[in-house]
Amino acid sequence: MIEDAPMTAQDALVALMIAVSASDENIRTAELVKMSNAINHLPIFAGYDQERLPRMSRMVFDLLEQEDGLEALFGLIRDALPERLFETAYALSCDVAAADGKIAGAEARMLQEIREELELDRLHAAAIERGARARHMTL
């Protein structure tokens, strides 16, 4: 892979999932499993080159360490992601955040940032959040 290759829509989705997982500075196994399952099984990731994952991870971690890194990350994501995939991006983000059974603190703030950056309708976002919560309930 060429290191300077532009971010693809699939990369943008992966980067958002990584950012949500890293937002609380504690990437949990359940979140890694959720990301892996999404990349391996969802149609949106058909043909995705998983060799790009380390590059996306490095980029996200490097950006999150910078003062205005989150804004830069969102800029890259908006440039790479077609608007028709904004709800998909938010759904994947919610699933990663809910994977460990709770969404609070930094993860909740990150989801709010994503909602605002992608300019998602509040009602649509609430439905997506409710679906993620329902899928990740435990007994």
Protein backbone atom coordinates (compact mmCIF):
# COMPACT_ATOMS: atom_id res chain seq x y z
CA MET A 1 0.00 0.00 0.00
CA ILE A 2 1.20 3.48 -0.78
CA GLU A 3 1.55 5.40 2.48
CA ASP A 4 0.20 8.60 0.90
CA ALA A 5 -2.87 6.92 -0.60
CA PRO A 6 -5.95 9.06 0.03
CA MET A 7 -8.43 8.03 2.71
CA THR A 8 -11.26 5.94 1.28
CA ALA A 9 -14.85 5.92 2.53
CA GLN A 10 -14.11 2.56 4.16
CA ASP A 11 -11.01 4.05 5.82
CA ALA A 12 -13.17 6.88 7.16
CA LEU A 13 -15.58 4.40 8.74
CA VAL A 14 -12.68 2.47 10.28
CA ALA A 15 -11.08 5.68 11.55
CA LEU A 16 -14.31 6.73 13.25
CA MET A 17 -14.67 3.35 14.96
CA ILE A 18 -11.07 3.55 16.17
CA ALA A 19 -11.59 7.12 17.40
CA VAL A 20 -14.68 6.15 19.39
CA SER A 21 -12.86 3.22 20.96
CA ALA A 22 -9.81 5.35 21.79
CA SER A 23 -11.82 8.33 23.06
CA ASP A 24 -11.79 7.11 26.67
CA GLU A 25 -8.10 6.13 26.44
CA ASN A 26 -9.04 2.49 27.08
CA ILE A 27 -9.54 0.32 24.00
CA ARG A 28 -11.44 -2.71 25.26
CA THR A 29 -11.39 -6.20 23.79
CA ALA A 30 -15.16 -6.04 23.17
CA GLU A 31 -14.63 -2.90 21.07
CA LEU A 32 -11.84 -4.52 19.05
CA VAL A 33 -14.03 -7.57 18.44
CA LYS A 34 -16.92 -5.33 17.35
CA MET A 35 -14.69 -3.47 14.88
CA SER A 36 -13.21 -6.70 13.54
CA ASN A 37 -16.65 -8.28 13.11
CA ALA A 38 -17.95 -5.19 11.31
CA ILE A 39 -14.99 -5.09 8.94
CA ASN A 40 -15.15 -8.84 8.28
CA HIS A 41 -18.92 -9.21 7.86
CA LEU A 42 -20.71 -6.01 6.85
CA PRO A 43 -21.35 -5.36 3.15
CA ILE A 44 -19.99 -1.80 3.41
CA PHE A 45 -16.53 -3.29 3.99
CA ALA A 46 -16.62 -5.73 1.07
CA GLY A 47 -13.21 -5.69 -0.58
CA TYR A 48 -11.62 -3.58 2.16
CA ASP A 49 -7.85 -4.02 2.31
CA GLN A 50 -7.22 -4.89 5.96
CA GLU A 51 -3.56 -4.05 5.44
CA ARG A 52 -4.77 -0.44 5.80
CA LEU A 53 -5.84 -0.97 9.44
CA PRO A 54 -2.44 -0.24 11.03
CA ARG A 55 -2.17 2.97 8.99
CA MET A 56 -5.65 4.09 10.06
CA SER A 57 -4.88 3.28 13.70
CA ARG A 58 -1.61 5.24 13.64
CA MET A 59 -3.27 8.18 11.95
CA VAL A 60 -6.13 8.31 14.48
CA PHE A 61 -3.80 7.95 17.49
CA ASP A 62 -1.42 10.58 16.12
CA LEU A 63 -4.26 13.03 15.46
CA LEU A 64 -5.91 12.47 18.86
CA GLU A 65 -2.63 13.43 20.55
CA GLN A 66 -2.60 16.83 18.81
CA GLU A 67 -4.40 19.90 20.11
CA ASP A 68 -6.70 20.30 17.08
CA GLY A 69 -6.37 16.69 15.98
CA LEU A 70 -10.02 15.76 16.40
CA GLU A 71 -11.08 18.59 14.09
CA ALA A 72 -8.46 17.47 11.56
CA LEU A 73 -9.72 13.89 11.79
CA PHE A 74 -13.30 15.00 11.22
CA GLY A 75 -12.18 17.03 8.22
CA LEU A 76 -10.51 13.98 6.66
CA ILE A 77 -13.57 11.86 7.38
CA ARG A 78 -16.00 14.40 5.87
CA ASP A 79 -13.80 14.64 2.76
CA ALA A 80 -13.70 10.86 2.29
CA LEU A 81 -17.21 9.87 3.33
CA PRO A 82 -20.23 10.44 1.09
CA GLU A 83 -23.14 12.05 2.94
CA ARG A 84 -25.33 9.00 2.26
CA LEU A 85 -23.02 7.03 4.60
CA PHE A 86 -23.18 9.48 7.53
CA GLU A 87 -25.87 7.44 9.32
CA THR A 88 -23.90 4.25 8.67
CA ALA A 89 -20.84 5.90 10.19
CA TYR A 90 -22.82 6.90 13.26
CA ALA A 91 -24.35 3.44 13.61
CA LEU A 92 -20.91 1.81 13.50
CA SER A 93 -19.64 4.35 16.05
CA CYS A 94 -22.56 3.64 18.39
CA ASP A 95 -22.03 -0.12 18.09
CA VAL A 96 -18.37 0.22 19.05
CA ALA A 97 -19.21 2.51 21.97
CA ALA A 98 -21.92 0.12 23.21
CA ALA A 99 -19.83 -3.04 22.73
CA ASP A 100 -18.65 -3.12 26.35
CA GLY A 101 -22.16 -2.56 27.71
CA LYS A 102 -21.90 1.10 28.66
CA ILE A 103 -21.59 4.48 27.01
CA ALA A 104 -20.48 7.26 29.31
CA GLY A 105 -18.00 10.07 29.70
CA ALA A 106 -15.55 10.48 26.85
CA GLU A 107 -17.34 7.98 24.59
CA ALA A 108 -20.65 9.79 25.01
CA ARG A 109 -18.94 13.11 24.23
CA MET A 110 -17.28 11.60 21.16
CA LEU A 111 -20.64 10.35 19.88
CA GLN A 112 -22.07 13.84 20.41
CA GLU A 113 -19.16 15.32 18.43
CA ILE A 114 -19.75 12.83 15.62
CA ARG A 115 -23.49 13.66 15.55
CA GLU A 116 -22.69 17.36 15.28
CA GLU A 117 -19.90 16.97 12.72
CA LEU A 118 -22.05 14.79 10.47
CA GLU A 119 -25.05 17.06 11.05
CA LEU A 120 -27.31 14.12 11.81
CA ASP A 121 -30.99 14.71 12.46
CA ARG A 122 -31.53 14.35 16.23
CA LEU A 123 -34.44 11.92 15.80
CA HIS A 124 -32.45 9.71 13.41
CA ALA A 125 -29.47 9.75 15.77
CA ALA A 126 -31.70 8.77 18.70
CA ALA A 127 -33.07 5.83 16.72
CA ILE A 128 -29.56 4.68 15.83
CA GLU A 129 -28.48 4.99 19.48
CA ARG A 130 -31.56 3.05 20.64
CA GLY A 131 -30.80 0.26 18.16
CA ALA A 132 -27.20 0.01 19.37
CA ARG A 133 -28.37 -0.10 22.98
CA ALA A 134 -30.89 -2.85 22.14
CA ARG A 135 -28.27 -4.95 20.31
CA HIS A 136 -25.84 -4.79 23.21
CA MET A 137 -28.15 -5.50 26.16
CA THR A 138 -27.14 -8.21 28.59
CA LEU A 139 -29.25 -10.34 30.92
